[in-house]
Amino acid sequence: MTEPRPTLGGQSDGREDAGATSEDDLGQLAPAGPRRIWREHDFIPPATESILRPATVLLRRSQIHGDPYNIRERLPGVQRIAWSLHQHGLLENLVVVESSDAVKARYGSEYELRAGSRRLAAIDLLLEGIEAPPGSLDRDNGHRWQWPGDFLIPCRVLGSDGHYEHLVENIERSSPHPWEVGRRLNEILSAGDTARELGTRLGRSNGWVTRYAHIGRGLAPELIAALVAEHAELRLGELSRYASIRDAFGDPDGMKQVEAYRAARSRRRKRPKRIDPESYRATIRRLQYLRSDMPVPPTLRPIVSAVIGYLEGGERPSFRKLESTLVDNLRSYIAPEEG
């Protein structure tokens, strides 16, 4: 049996309280357990009744065991999710199944998680107490955000083992385009909120809000249509530059934005392939053998020599000189036959 990943005991521990940093984006380790041998009966679809009339229960944290077979190895962004939960509540229920007898005996948990590992880890942070996000008055005053220990978590109970549902829940998620997020941010800013207030509510920086809002109000529909049609994936910096292209009235200039996008794509070069040193040296040896040992016609020897010189020392051949040499060789080769 292989060694399992470091486990959080199904209850999550060893968290980082460093704010919306790169460490938080990397994420903490997901709950994990020993590898198991899967059987066909582990992947049974849910009953129709459980889909049409899903059962919802309110559970305490101690009643839920973390999913040891999570598809994710790490849980990124848990800190920001915790801030969001404290401000907006749990907007999407956790998904659980009834625990097996072995899990009940070992952990005392009546239910086992199948979807919502990041939300559950964020709830753990709030139950322990977490520092408020940067820019909030609670952080400035030293007040930690904490939920009561008897907090009830709404959960949906599946009528299956939940392994299919866990996979579907992860692969079916599709993030919105940056300009779609930016439009909504711009609408909120236009209603009177400041970028600082909005960033605090979302657990993002002031610059993050400002950049997305700039993209949302600055990209022209013509460019967005081209990006969607071509399935183009551009960096935020590129989208921001296109969003800055305006007409004389300060509105997004669709034609110029598309022209700039086309020009940038035409300038992009393919990445050069990495050269294997062994293959490089083998090519030179073959050429040297071709020039010295094989019966190469005299007319081709200058070409082989020029290629070897370029590969060995980077000496760029003079094509005009090479052409004159080839012509002279051809003349000397043909003249005796004509005589």
C-alpha atoms as a PDB file:
ATOM      1  CA  MET A   1       0.000   0.000   0.000  1.00  0.00           C
ATOM      2  CA  THR A   2       1.361   3.421  -0.918  1.00  0.00           C
ATOM      3  CA  GLU A   3       1.848   6.106   1.692  1.00  0.00           C
ATOM      4  CA  PRO A   4      -1.196   8.427   1.824  1.00  0.00           C
ATOM      5  CA  ARG A   5      -0.923  12.176   1.493  1.00  0.00           C
ATOM      6  CA  PRO A   6      -0.681  14.059   4.797  1.00  0.00           C
ATOM      7  CA  THR A   7      -4.206  13.997   6.152  1.00  0.00           C
ATOM      8  CA  LEU A   8      -6.197  16.644   7.946  1.00  0.00           C
ATOM      9  CA  GLY A   9      -7.993  13.932   9.852  1.00  0.00           C
ATOM     10  CA  GLY A  10     -11.181  14.660   7.958  1.00  0.00           C
ATOM     11  CA  GLN A  11     -11.594  17.705  10.153  1.00  0.00           C
ATOM     12  CA  SER A  12      -8.990  20.075   8.610  1.00  0.00           C
ATOM     13  CA  ASP A  13      -6.003  21.426  10.470  1.00  0.00           C
ATOM     14  CA  GLY A  14      -2.666  23.111   9.854  1.00  0.00           C
ATOM     15  CA  ARG A  15      -4.183  26.131   8.128  1.00  0.00           C
ATOM     16  CA  GLU A  16      -2.458  29.318   7.156  1.00  0.00           C
ATOM     17  CA  ASP A  17      -3.789  32.695   8.223  1.00  0.00           C
ATOM     18  CA  ALA A  18      -1.817  34.896   5.869  1.00  0.00           C
ATOM     19  CA  GLY A  19      -4.525  36.742   3.975  1.00  0.00           C
ATOM     20  CA  ALA A  20      -5.064  36.695   0.225  1.00  0.00           C
ATOM     21  CA  THR A  21      -1.481  35.783  -0.537  1.00  0.00           C
ATOM     22  CA  SER A  22       0.169  33.444  -2.993  1.00  0.00           C
ATOM     23  CA  GLU A  23       0.381  30.871  -0.213  1.00  0.00           C
ATOM     24  CA  ASP A  24      -3.382  31.012   0.172  1.00  0.00           C
ATOM     25  CA  ASP A  25      -3.742  30.640  -3.598  1.00  0.00           C
ATOM     26  CA  LEU A  26      -1.510  27.560  -3.490  1.00  0.00           C
ATOM     27  CA  GLY A  27      -3.826  26.135  -0.879  1.00  0.00           C
ATOM     28  CA  GLN A  28      -3.668  23.762   2.038  1.00  0.00           C
ATOM     29  CA  LEU A  29      -3.569  20.021   1.611  1.00  0.00           C
ATOM     30  CA  ALA A  30      -6.938  18.426   0.995  1.00  0.00           C
ATOM     31  CA  PRO A  31      -8.176  15.731   3.381  1.00  0.00           C
ATOM     32  CA  ALA A  32      -6.783  12.398   2.268  1.00  0.00           C
ATOM     33  CA  GLY A  33      -6.960   8.787   3.344  1.00  0.00           C
ATOM     34  CA  PRO A  34      -5.288   5.504   2.458  1.00  0.00           C
ATOM     35  CA  ARG A  35      -5.745   4.279  -1.080  1.00  0.00           C
ATOM     36  CA  ARG A  36      -8.604   1.892  -1.535  1.00  0.00           C
ATOM     37  CA  ILE A  37      -9.453  -0.729  -4.098  1.00  0.00           C
ATOM     38  CA  TRP A  38     -12.468   0.506  -6.003  1.00  0.00           C
ATOM     39  CA  ARG A  39     -15.289  -1.807  -6.987  1.00  0.00           C
ATOM     40  CA  GLU A  40     -18.072  -1.408  -9.510  1.00  0.00           C
ATOM     41  CA  HIS A  41     -20.681  -0.967  -6.791  1.00  0.00           C
ATOM     42  CA  ASP A  42     -18.820   2.131  -5.552  1.00  0.00           C
ATOM     43  CA  PHE A  43     -20.033   4.055  -8.610  1.00  0.00           C
ATOM     44  CA  ILE A  44     -23.797   3.636  -8.495  1.00  0.00           C
ATOM     45  CA  PRO A  45     -25.869   6.514  -9.955  1.00  0.00           C
ATOM     46  CA  PRO A  46     -28.264   8.202  -7.528  1.00  0.00           C
ATOM     47  CA  ALA A  47     -31.859   7.120  -7.344  1.00  0.00           C
ATOM     48  CA  THR A  48     -34.323   9.243  -9.318  1.00  0.00           C
ATOM     49  CA  GLU A  49     -36.234  10.044  -6.137  1.00  0.00           C
ATOM     50  CA  SER A  50     -33.162  11.563  -4.492  1.00  0.00           C
ATOM     51  CA  ILE A  51     -32.629  13.832  -7.512  1.00  0.00           C
ATOM     52  CA  LEU A  52     -36.227  15.023  -7.763  1.00  0.00           C
ATOM     53  CA  ARG A  53     -36.668  15.414  -4.003  1.00  0.00           C
ATOM     54  CA  PRO A  54     -33.232  15.967  -2.494  1.00  0.00           C
ATOM     55  CA  ALA A  55     -32.995  15.682   1.261  1.00  0.00           C
ATOM     56  CA  THR A  56     -31.475  18.665   3.069  1.00  0.00           C
ATOM     57  CA  VAL A  57     -30.263  18.461   6.645  1.00  0.00           C
ATOM     58  CA  LEU A  58     -28.638  20.885   9.091  1.00  0.00           C
ATOM     59  CA  LEU A  59     -25.469  19.400  10.577  1.00  0.00           C
ATOM     60  CA  ARG A  60     -22.868  20.453  13.093  1.00  0.00           C
ATOM     61  CA  ARG A  61     -19.242  20.369  12.045  1.00  0.00           C
ATOM     62  CA  SER A  62     -18.496  17.315  14.186  1.00  0.00           C
ATOM     63  CA  GLN A  63     -21.067  15.291  12.228  1.00  0.00           C
ATOM     64  CA  ILE A  64     -19.224  15.736   8.885  1.00  0.00           C
ATOM     65  CA  HIS A  65     -16.114  13.819   7.901  1.00  0.00           C
ATOM     66  CA  GLY A  66     -13.967  15.434   5.165  1.00  0.00           C
ATOM     67  CA  ASP A  67     -13.796  13.654   1.815  1.00  0.00           C
ATOM     68  CA  PRO A  68     -10.637  11.472   1.852  1.00  0.00           C
ATOM     69  CA  TYR A  69     -10.961  10.793  -1.890  1.00  0.00           C
ATOM     70  CA  ASN A  70     -11.056  14.416  -3.020  1.00  0.00           C
ATOM     71  CA  ILE A  71     -10.009  14.943  -6.643  1.00  0.00           C
ATOM     72  CA  ARG A  72      -8.084  18.039  -5.511  1.00  0.00           C
ATOM     73  CA  GLU A  73      -4.741  17.578  -3.801  1.00  0.00           C
ATOM     74  CA  ARG A  74      -4.794  21.149  -2.502  1.00  0.00           C
ATOM     75  CA  LEU A  75      -7.552  23.562  -1.557  1.00  0.00           C
ATOM     76  CA  PRO A  76      -6.686  27.034  -2.900  1.00  0.00           C
ATOM     77  CA  GLY A  77      -8.280  30.293  -1.794  1.00  0.00           C
ATOM     78  CA  VAL A  78      -9.735  28.975   1.492  1.00  0.00           C
ATOM     79  CA  GLN A  79      -8.931  32.241   3.290  1.00  0.00           C
ATOM     80  CA  ARG A  80     -10.962  34.302   0.818  1.00  0.00           C
ATOM     81  CA  ILE A  81     -13.843  31.832   0.934  1.00  0.00           C
ATOM     82  CA  ALA A  82     -13.920  32.180   4.725  1.00  0.00           C
ATOM     83  CA  TRP A  83     -14.149  35.967   4.419  1.00  0.00           C
ATOM     84  CA  SER A  84     -16.951  35.575   1.865  1.00  0.00           C
ATOM     85  CA  LEU A  85     -18.871  33.134   4.062  1.00  0.00           C
ATOM     86  CA  HIS A  86     -18.698  35.511   7.011  1.00  0.00           C
ATOM     87  CA  GLN A  87     -20.059  38.393   4.938  1.00  0.00           C
ATOM     88  CA  HIS A  88     -22.544  36.624   2.662  1.00  0.00           C
ATOM     89  CA  GLY A  89     -23.260  33.254   4.247  1.00  0.00           C
ATOM     90  CA  LEU A  90     -23.099  29.797   2.673  1.00  0.00           C
ATOM     91  CA  LEU A  91     -24.582  30.365  -0.789  1.00  0.00           C
ATOM     92  CA  GLU A  92     -24.257  26.725  -1.926  1.00  0.00           C
ATOM     93  CA  ASN A  93     -24.962  23.742   0.300  1.00  0.00           C
ATOM     94  CA  LEU A  94     -22.371  21.093   1.007  1.00  0.00           C
ATOM     95  CA  VAL A  95     -23.056  17.667  -0.479  1.00  0.00           C
ATOM     96  CA  VAL A  96     -22.748  14.642   1.814  1.00  0.00           C
ATOM     97  CA  VAL A  97     -23.528  10.928   1.991  1.00  0.00           C
ATOM     98  CA  GLU A  98     -24.214   8.780   5.009  1.00  0.00           C
ATOM     99  CA  SER A  99     -20.989   7.475   6.518  1.00  0.00           C
ATOM    100  CA  SER A 100     -20.028   3.838   6.414  1.00  0.00           C
ATOM    101  CA  ASP A 101     -19.798   1.871   9.640  1.00  0.00           C
ATOM    102  CA  ALA A 102     -15.979   2.077   9.505  1.00  0.00           C
ATOM    103  CA  VAL A 103     -16.008   5.879   9.286  1.00  0.00           C
ATOM    104  CA  LYS A 104     -18.562   6.132  12.074  1.00  0.00           C
ATOM    105  CA  ALA A 105     -16.496   3.863  14.312  1.00  0.00           C
ATOM    106  CA  ARG A 106     -13.218   5.680  13.639  1.00  0.00           C
ATOM    107  CA  TYR A 107     -14.296   9.335  13.470  1.00  0.00           C
ATOM    108  CA  GLY A 108     -17.783   9.369  14.975  1.00  0.00           C
ATOM    109  CA  SER A 109     -19.092  11.287  11.954  1.00  0.00           C
ATOM    110  CA  GLU A 110     -22.544  10.457  10.667  1.00  0.00           C
ATOM    111  CA  TYR A 111     -21.954  11.941   7.204  1.00  0.00           C
ATOM    112  CA  GLU A 112     -19.071  12.031   4.742  1.00  0.00           C
ATOM    113  CA  LEU A 113     -18.399  14.997   2.459  1.00  0.00           C
ATOM    114  CA  ARG A 114     -18.609  14.599  -1.328  1.00  0.00           C
ATOM    115  CA  ALA A 115     -18.649  18.200  -2.601  1.00  0.00           C
ATOM    116  CA  GLY A 116     -17.540  21.403  -0.911  1.00  0.00           C
ATOM    117  CA  SER A 117     -14.109  20.660   0.583  1.00  0.00           C
ATOM    118  CA  ARG A 118     -12.963  24.286   0.260  1.00  0.00           C
ATOM    119  CA  ARG A 119     -16.171  25.571   1.841  1.00  0.00           C
ATOM    120  CA  LEU A 120     -15.814  23.099   4.691  1.00  0.00           C
ATOM    121  CA  ALA A 121     -12.184  24.150   5.269  1.00  0.00           C
ATOM    122  CA  ALA A 122     -13.325  27.793   5.272  1.00  0.00           C
ATOM    123  CA  ILE A 123     -16.001  26.959   7.867  1.00  0.00           C
ATOM    124  CA  ASP A 124     -13.254  25.394   9.994  1.00  0.00           C
ATOM    125  CA  LEU A 125     -11.337  28.661   9.843  1.00  0.00           C
ATOM    126  CA  LEU A 126     -14.387  30.626  10.966  1.00  0.00           C
ATOM    127  CA  LEU A 127     -15.159  28.222  13.794  1.00  0.00           C
ATOM    128  CA  GLU A 128     -11.605  28.673  15.100  1.00  0.00           C
ATOM    129  CA  GLY A 129     -11.563  32.419  14.435  1.00  0.00           C
ATOM    130  CA  ILE A 130      -9.895  34.219  11.570  1.00  0.00           C
ATOM    131  CA  GLU A 131      -8.353  37.638  11.089  1.00  0.00           C
ATOM    132  CA  ALA A 132     -10.603  40.020   9.151  1.00  0.00           C
ATOM    133  CA  PRO A 133      -9.580  40.953   5.582  1.00  0.00           C
ATOM    134  CA  PRO A 134      -7.216  43.868   4.919  1.00  0.00           C
ATOM    135  CA  GLY A 135      -8.987  47.207   4.682  1.00  0.00           C
ATOM    136  CA  SER A 136     -11.880  46.317   6.999  1.00  0.00           C
ATOM    137  CA  LEU A 137     -12.590  48.165  10.244  1.00  0.00           C
ATOM    138  CA  ASP A 138     -12.625  44.876  12.171  1.00  0.00           C
ATOM    139  CA  ARG A 139      -9.037  44.201  11.136  1.00  0.00           C
ATOM    140  CA  ASP A 140      -7.966  47.725  12.074  1.00  0.00           C
ATOM    141  CA  ASN A 141      -9.635  47.294  15.478  1.00  0.00           C
ATOM    142  CA  GLY A 142      -8.191  43.822  16.037  1.00  0.00           C
ATOM    143  CA  HIS A 143     -11.553  42.014  15.951  1.00  0.00           C
ATOM    144  CA  ARG A 144     -11.403  38.425  14.651  1.00  0.00           C
ATOM    145  CA  TRP A 145     -14.242  36.915  12.681  1.00  0.00           C
ATOM    146  CA  GLN A 146     -15.611  33.796  14.352  1.00  0.00           C
ATOM    147  CA  TRP A 147     -18.727  31.659  14.125  1.00  0.00           C
ATOM    148  CA  PRO A 148     -20.326  29.943  17.135  1.00  0.00           C
ATOM    149  CA  GLY A 149     -19.297  26.354  17.764  1.00  0.00           C
ATOM    150  CA  ASP A 150     -22.884  25.091  17.380  1.00  0.00           C
ATOM    151  CA  PHE A 151     -23.262  26.606  13.894  1.00  0.00           C
ATOM    152  CA  LEU A 152     -25.550  24.445  11.729  1.00  0.00           C
ATOM    153  CA  ILE A 153     -24.326  23.738   8.195  1.00  0.00           C
ATOM    154  CA  PRO A 154     -26.960  23.130   5.475  1.00  0.00           C
ATOM    155  CA  CYS A 155     -26.099  19.963   3.550  1.00  0.00           C
ATOM    156  CA  ARG A 156     -27.718  18.029   0.739  1.00  0.00           C
ATOM    157  CA  VAL A 157     -27.771  14.262   1.261  1.00  0.00           C
ATOM    158  CA  LEU A 158     -27.159  12.184  -1.869  1.00  0.00           C
ATOM    159  CA  GLY A 159     -28.926   8.932  -2.595  1.00  0.00           C
ATOM    160  CA  SER A 160     -25.690   7.325  -3.827  1.00  0.00           C
ATOM    161  CA  ASP A 161     -22.050   6.935  -2.831  1.00  0.00           C
ATOM    162  CA  GLY A 162     -21.382  10.352  -4.365  1.00  0.00           C
ATOM    163  CA  HIS A 163     -18.177   9.523  -6.274  1.00  0.00           C
ATOM    164  CA  TYR A 164     -19.681  10.347  -9.693  1.00  0.00           C
ATOM    165  CA  GLU A 165     -21.217  13.521  -8.289  1.00  0.00           C
ATOM    166  CA  HIS A 166     -17.897  14.619  -6.812  1.00  0.00           C
ATOM    167  CA  LEU A 167     -16.218  14.294 -10.205  1.00  0.00           C
ATOM    168  CA  VAL A 168     -19.036  16.065 -12.067  1.00  0.00           C
ATOM    169  CA  GLU A 169     -19.130  18.889  -9.505  1.00  0.00           C
ATOM    170  CA  ASN A 170     -15.461  19.633 -10.179  1.00  0.00           C
ATOM    171  CA  ILE A 171     -15.269  19.244 -13.963  1.00  0.00           C
ATOM    172  CA  GLU A 172     -18.494  21.095 -14.779  1.00  0.00           C
ATOM    173  CA  ARG A 173     -17.409  24.330 -13.140  1.00  0.00           C
ATOM    174  CA  SER A 174     -16.616  27.043 -15.676  1.00  0.00           C
ATOM    175  CA  SER A 175     -15.200  30.386 -14.619  1.00  0.00           C
ATOM    176  CA  PRO A 176     -16.730  33.477 -16.271  1.00  0.00           C
ATOM    177  CA  HIS A 177     -14.680  35.529 -18.708  1.00  0.00           C
ATOM    178  CA  PRO A 178     -12.733  38.474 -17.224  1.00  0.00           C
ATOM    179  CA  TRP A 179     -14.899  41.017 -19.058  1.00  0.00           C
ATOM    180  CA  GLU A 180     -18.059  39.403 -17.643  1.00  0.00           C
ATOM    181  CA  VAL A 181     -16.727  39.768 -14.114  1.00  0.00           C
ATOM    182  CA  GLY A 182     -15.525  43.260 -14.964  1.00  0.00           C
ATOM    183  CA  ARG A 183     -18.935  44.396 -16.191  1.00  0.00           C
ATOM    184  CA  ARG A 184     -20.571  43.475 -12.902  1.00  0.00           C
ATOM    185  CA  LEU A 185     -17.807  45.134 -10.906  1.00  0.00           C
ATOM    186  CA  ASN A 186     -18.168  48.272 -13.008  1.00  0.00           C
ATOM    187  CA  GLU A 187     -21.923  48.278 -12.394  1.00  0.00           C
ATOM    188  CA  ILE A 188     -21.371  48.097  -8.630  1.00  0.00           C
ATOM    189  CA  LEU A 189     -18.779  50.878  -8.757  1.00  0.00           C
ATOM    190  CA  SER A 190     -21.135  53.003 -10.851  1.00  0.00           C
ATOM    191  CA  ALA A 191     -23.813  52.558  -8.173  1.00  0.00           C
ATOM    192  CA  GLY A 192     -21.600  54.317  -5.635  1.00  0.00           C
ATOM    193  CA  ASP A 193     -19.329  51.711  -4.022  1.00  0.00           C
ATOM    194  CA  THR A 194     -15.615  52.411  -3.968  1.00  0.00           C
ATOM    195  CA  ALA A 195     -12.993  49.977  -5.242  1.00  0.00           C
ATOM    196  CA  ARG A 196     -11.624  49.677  -1.708  1.00  0.00           C
ATOM    197  CA  GLU A 197     -15.019  48.765  -0.227  1.00  0.00           C
ATOM    198  CA  LEU A 198     -15.751  46.320  -3.037  1.00  0.00           C
ATOM    199  CA  GLY A 199     -12.337  44.694  -2.732  1.00  0.00           C
ATOM    200  CA  THR A 200     -12.852  44.217   0.992  1.00  0.00           C
ATOM    201  CA  ARG A 201     -16.214  42.559   0.391  1.00  0.00           C
ATOM    202  CA  LEU A 202     -14.743  40.215  -2.212  1.00  0.00           C
ATOM    203  CA  GLY A 203     -11.471  39.505  -0.460  1.00  0.00           C
ATOM    204  CA  ARG A 204      -9.516  41.073  -3.321  1.00  0.00           C
ATOM    205  CA  SER A 205      -7.166  44.012  -3.598  1.00  0.00           C
ATOM    206  CA  ASN A 206      -8.075  47.502  -4.765  1.00  0.00           C
ATOM    207  CA  GLY A 207      -5.924  46.996  -7.890  1.00  0.00           C
ATOM    208  CA  TRP A 208      -7.689  43.728  -8.732  1.00  0.00           C
ATOM    209  CA  VAL A 209     -11.087  45.439  -8.668  1.00  0.00           C
ATOM    210  CA  THR A 210      -9.861  48.437 -10.662  1.00  0.00           C
ATOM    211  CA  ARG A 211      -8.253  46.336 -13.410  1.00  0.00           C
ATOM    212  CA  TYR A 212     -11.255  44.059 -13.898  1.00  0.00           C
ATOM    213  CA  ALA A 213     -13.652  47.007 -13.914  1.00  0.00           C
ATOM    214  CA  HIS A 214     -11.477  48.737 -16.521  1.00  0.00           C
ATOM    215  CA  ILE A 215     -11.638  45.631 -18.727  1.00  0.00           C
ATOM    216  CA  GLY A 216     -15.377  45.300 -18.219  1.00  0.00           C
ATOM    217  CA  ARG A 217     -16.210  48.807 -19.357  1.00  0.00           C
ATOM    218  CA  GLY A 218     -13.417  49.190 -21.919  1.00  0.00           C
ATOM    219  CA  LEU A 219     -13.555  46.086 -24.150  1.00  0.00           C
ATOM    220  CA  ALA A 220     -15.650  46.625 -27.267  1.00  0.00           C
ATOM    221  CA  PRO A 221     -18.276  44.044 -28.331  1.00  0.00           C
ATOM    222  CA  GLU A 222     -16.417  43.520 -31.637  1.00  0.00           C
ATOM    223  CA  LEU A 223     -13.240  42.413 -29.841  1.00  0.00           C
ATOM    224  CA  ILE A 224     -15.156  40.248 -27.370  1.00  0.00           C
ATOM    225  CA  ALA A 225     -16.890  38.487 -30.287  1.00  0.00           C
ATOM    226  CA  ALA A 226     -13.504  37.798 -31.912  1.00  0.00           C
ATOM    227  CA  LEU A 227     -12.008  36.468 -28.675  1.00  0.00           C
ATOM    228  CA  VAL A 228     -14.954  34.153 -28.050  1.00  0.00           C
ATOM    229  CA  ALA A 229     -15.061  32.906 -31.649  1.00  0.00           C
ATOM    230  CA  GLU A 230     -11.346  32.076 -31.613  1.00  0.00           C
ATOM    231  CA  HIS A 231     -11.310  30.728 -28.036  1.00  0.00           C
ATOM    232  CA  ALA A 232      -8.429  33.113 -27.352  1.00  0.00           C
ATOM    233  CA  GLU A 233      -6.941  33.147 -23.861  1.00  0.00           C
ATOM    234  CA  LEU A 234      -5.266  36.496 -23.190  1.00  0.00           C
ATOM    235  CA  ARG A 235      -3.539  37.721 -20.071  1.00  0.00           C
ATOM    236  CA  LEU A 236      -5.198  40.448 -18.043  1.00  0.00           C
ATOM    237  CA  GLY A 237      -2.468  42.882 -19.051  1.00  0.00           C
ATOM    238  CA  GLU A 238      -3.261  42.358 -22.735  1.00  0.00           C
ATOM    239  CA  LEU A 239      -7.003  42.775 -22.176  1.00  0.00           C
ATOM    240  CA  SER A 240      -6.333  45.923 -20.179  1.00  0.00           C
ATOM    241  CA  ARG A 241      -4.273  47.415 -23.023  1.00  0.00           C
ATOM    242  CA  TYR A 242      -7.025  46.741 -25.557  1.00  0.00           C
ATOM    243  CA  ALA A 243      -9.611  48.216 -23.179  1.00  0.00           C
ATOM    244  CA  SER A 244      -7.608  51.471 -23.158  1.00  0.00           C
ATOM    245  CA  ILE A 245      -8.088  51.980 -26.917  1.00  0.00           C
ATOM    246  CA  ARG A 246     -10.862  54.586 -27.194  1.00  0.00           C
ATOM    247  CA  ASP A 247     -12.330  56.786 -29.891  1.00  0.00           C
ATOM    248  CA  ALA A 248     -12.455  60.585 -29.915  1.00  0.00           C
ATOM    249  CA  PHE A 249     -15.514  60.555 -27.628  1.00  0.00           C
ATOM    250  CA  GLY A 250     -13.919  58.289 -24.994  1.00  0.00           C
ATOM    251  CA  ASP A 251     -15.920  55.213 -25.939  1.00  0.00           C
ATOM    252  CA  PRO A 252     -14.369  51.800 -26.752  1.00  0.00           C
ATOM    253  CA  ASP A 253     -13.163  51.783 -30.365  1.00  0.00           C
ATOM    254  CA  GLY A 254     -14.097  48.329 -31.620  1.00  0.00           C
ATOM    255  CA  MET A 255     -12.352  48.501 -34.988  1.00  0.00           C
ATOM    256  CA  LYS A 256      -9.037  49.693 -33.570  1.00  0.00           C
ATOM    257  CA  GLN A 257      -9.160  47.155 -30.771  1.00  0.00           C
ATOM    258  CA  VAL A 258      -9.658  44.321 -33.257  1.00  0.00           C
ATOM    259  CA  GLU A 259      -6.876  45.700 -35.464  1.00  0.00           C
ATOM    260  CA  ALA A 260      -4.498  45.837 -32.485  1.00  0.00           C
ATOM    261  CA  TYR A 261      -5.446  42.285 -31.521  1.00  0.00           C
ATOM    262  CA  ARG A 262      -4.863  40.998 -35.079  1.00  0.00           C
ATOM    263  CA  ALA A 263      -1.539  42.801 -35.314  1.00  0.00           C
ATOM    264  CA  ALA A 264      -0.383  41.340 -31.992  1.00  0.00           C
ATOM    265  CA  ARG A 265      -1.335  37.818 -33.054  1.00  0.00           C
ATOM    266  CA  SER A 266       0.516  38.172 -36.358  1.00  0.00           C
ATOM    267  CA  ARG A 267       3.676  39.225 -34.502  1.00  0.00           C
ATOM    268  CA  ARG A 268       3.676  36.204 -32.242  1.00  0.00           C
ATOM    269  CA  ARG A 269       6.322  33.669 -33.107  1.00  0.00           C
ATOM    270  CA  LYS A 270       6.328  30.012 -32.393  1.00  0.00           C
ATOM    271  CA  ARG A 271       8.583  29.011 -29.564  1.00  0.00           C
ATOM    272  CA  PRO A 272      11.825  27.518 -30.837  1.00  0.00           C
ATOM    273  CA  LYS A 273      12.236  23.861 -30.084  1.00  0.00           C
ATOM    274  CA  ARG A 274      14.857  22.946 -27.549  1.00  0.00           C
ATOM    275  CA  ILE A 275      17.951  21.434 -29.111  1.00  0.00           C
ATOM    276  CA  ASP A 276      19.125  18.145 -27.726  1.00  0.00           C
ATOM    277  CA  PRO A 277      22.955  18.414 -27.344  1.00  0.00           C
ATOM    278  CA  GLU A 278      23.459  14.763 -28.211  1.00  0.00           C
ATOM    279  CA  SER A 279      21.409  15.055 -31.404  1.00  0.00           C
ATOM    280  CA  TYR A 280      23.298  18.239 -32.286  1.00  0.00           C
ATOM    281  CA  ARG A 281      26.693  16.560 -31.955  1.00  0.00           C
ATOM    282  CA  ALA A 282      25.500  13.474 -33.820  1.00  0.00           C
ATOM    283  CA  THR A 283      24.379  15.658 -36.741  1.00  0.00           C
ATOM    284  CA  ILE A 284      27.811  17.312 -36.941  1.00  0.00           C
ATOM    285  CA  ARG A 285      29.565  13.921 -36.903  1.00  0.00           C
ATOM    286  CA  ARG A 286      27.371  12.651 -39.730  1.00  0.00           C
ATOM    287  CA  LEU A 287      28.122  15.733 -41.811  1.00  0.00           C
ATOM    288  CA  GLN A 288      31.848  15.435 -41.170  1.00  0.00           C
ATOM    289  CA  TYR A 289      31.724  11.806 -42.230  1.00  0.00           C
ATOM    290  CA  LEU A 290      29.760  12.838 -45.296  1.00  0.00           C
ATOM    291  CA  ARG A 291      32.365  15.434 -46.248  1.00  0.00           C
ATOM    292  CA  SER A 292      35.542  13.428 -45.581  1.00  0.00           C
ATOM    293  CA  ASP A 293      34.816   9.729 -46.066  1.00  0.00           C
ATOM    294  CA  MET A 294      31.817   9.319 -48.329  1.00  0.00           C
ATOM    295  CA  PRO A 295      32.132   9.776 -52.098  1.00  0.00           C
ATOM    296  CA  VAL A 296      30.272  13.081 -52.185  1.00  0.00           C
ATOM    297  CA  PRO A 297      30.272  14.698 -55.627  1.00  0.00           C
ATOM    298  CA  PRO A 298      32.593  17.714 -55.740  1.00  0.00           C
ATOM    299  CA  THR A 299      29.671  19.990 -56.518  1.00  0.00           C
ATOM    300  CA  LEU A 300      28.064  19.224 -53.120  1.00  0.00           C
ATOM    301  CA  ARG A 301      31.174  19.456 -50.935  1.00  0.00           C
ATOM    302  CA  PRO A 302      30.999  23.265 -50.496  1.00  0.00           C
ATOM    303  CA  ILE A 303      27.416  22.974 -49.242  1.00  0.00           C
ATOM    304  CA  VAL A 304      28.338  20.318 -46.688  1.00  0.00           C
ATOM    305  CA  SER A 305      31.345  22.348 -45.537  1.00  0.00           C
ATOM    306  CA  ALA A 306      29.224  25.490 -45.155  1.00  0.00           C
ATOM    307  CA  VAL A 307      26.632  23.650 -43.030  1.00  0.00           C
ATOM    308  CA  ILE A 308      29.343  22.140 -40.797  1.00  0.00           C
ATOM    309  CA  GLY A 309      30.999  25.535 -40.330  1.00  0.00           C
ATOM    310  CA  TYR A 310      27.679  27.060 -39.311  1.00  0.00           C
ATOM    311  CA  LEU A 311      26.886  24.293 -36.808  1.00  0.00           C
ATOM    312  CA  GLU A 312      30.358  24.182 -35.270  1.00  0.00           C
ATOM    313  CA  GLY A 313      31.184  27.865 -34.973  1.00  0.00           C
ATOM    314  CA  GLY A 314      28.042  29.730 -35.896  1.00  0.00           C
ATOM    315  CA  GLU A 315      29.745  31.059 -39.003  1.00  0.00           C
ATOM    316  CA  ARG A 316      27.047  32.303 -41.306  1.00  0.00           C
ATOM    317  CA  PRO A 317      27.756  31.170 -44.893  1.00  0.00           C
ATOM    318  CA  SER A 318      28.048  33.683 -47.684  1.00  0.00           C
ATOM    319  CA  PHE A 319      25.446  32.516 -50.166  1.00  0.00           C
ATOM    320  CA  ARG A 320      26.892  34.642 -52.968  1.00  0.00           C
ATOM    321  CA  LYS A 321      30.340  33.092 -52.473  1.00  0.00           C
ATOM    322  CA  LEU A 322      28.770  29.641 -52.181  1.00  0.00           C
ATOM    323  CA  GLU A 323      26.881  30.194 -55.423  1.00  0.00           C
ATOM    324  CA  SER A 324      30.017  31.241 -57.318  1.00  0.00           C
ATOM    325  CA  THR A 325      31.896  28.210 -55.947  1.00  0.00           C
ATOM    326  CA  LEU A 326      29.139  25.871 -57.076  1.00  0.00           C
ATOM    327  CA  VAL A 327      29.070  27.444 -60.539  1.00  0.00           C
ATOM    328  CA  ASP A 328      32.863  27.062 -60.878  1.00  0.00           C
ATOM    329  CA  ASN A 329      32.662  23.416 -59.779  1.00  0.00           C
ATOM    330  CA  LEU A 330      29.893  22.731 -62.264  1.00  0.00           C
ATOM    331  CA  ARG A 331      31.879  24.326 -65.074  1.00  0.00           C
ATOM    332  CA  SER A 332      34.992  22.302 -64.277  1.00  0.00           C
ATOM    333  CA  TYR A 333      32.889  19.196 -64.019  1.00  0.00           C
ATOM    334  CA  ILE A 334      31.078  19.738 -67.356  1.00  0.00           C
ATOM    335  CA  ALA A 335      33.982  21.169 -69.428  1.00  0.00           C
ATOM    336  CA  PRO A 336      36.012  17.891 -69.771  1.00  0.00           C
ATOM    337  CA  GLU A 337      32.918  16.029 -70.966  1.00  0.00           C
ATOM    338  CA  GLU A 338      32.242  18.684 -73.616  1.00  0.00           C
ATOM    339  CA  GLY A 339      35.880  18.465 -74.817  1.00  0.00           C
END
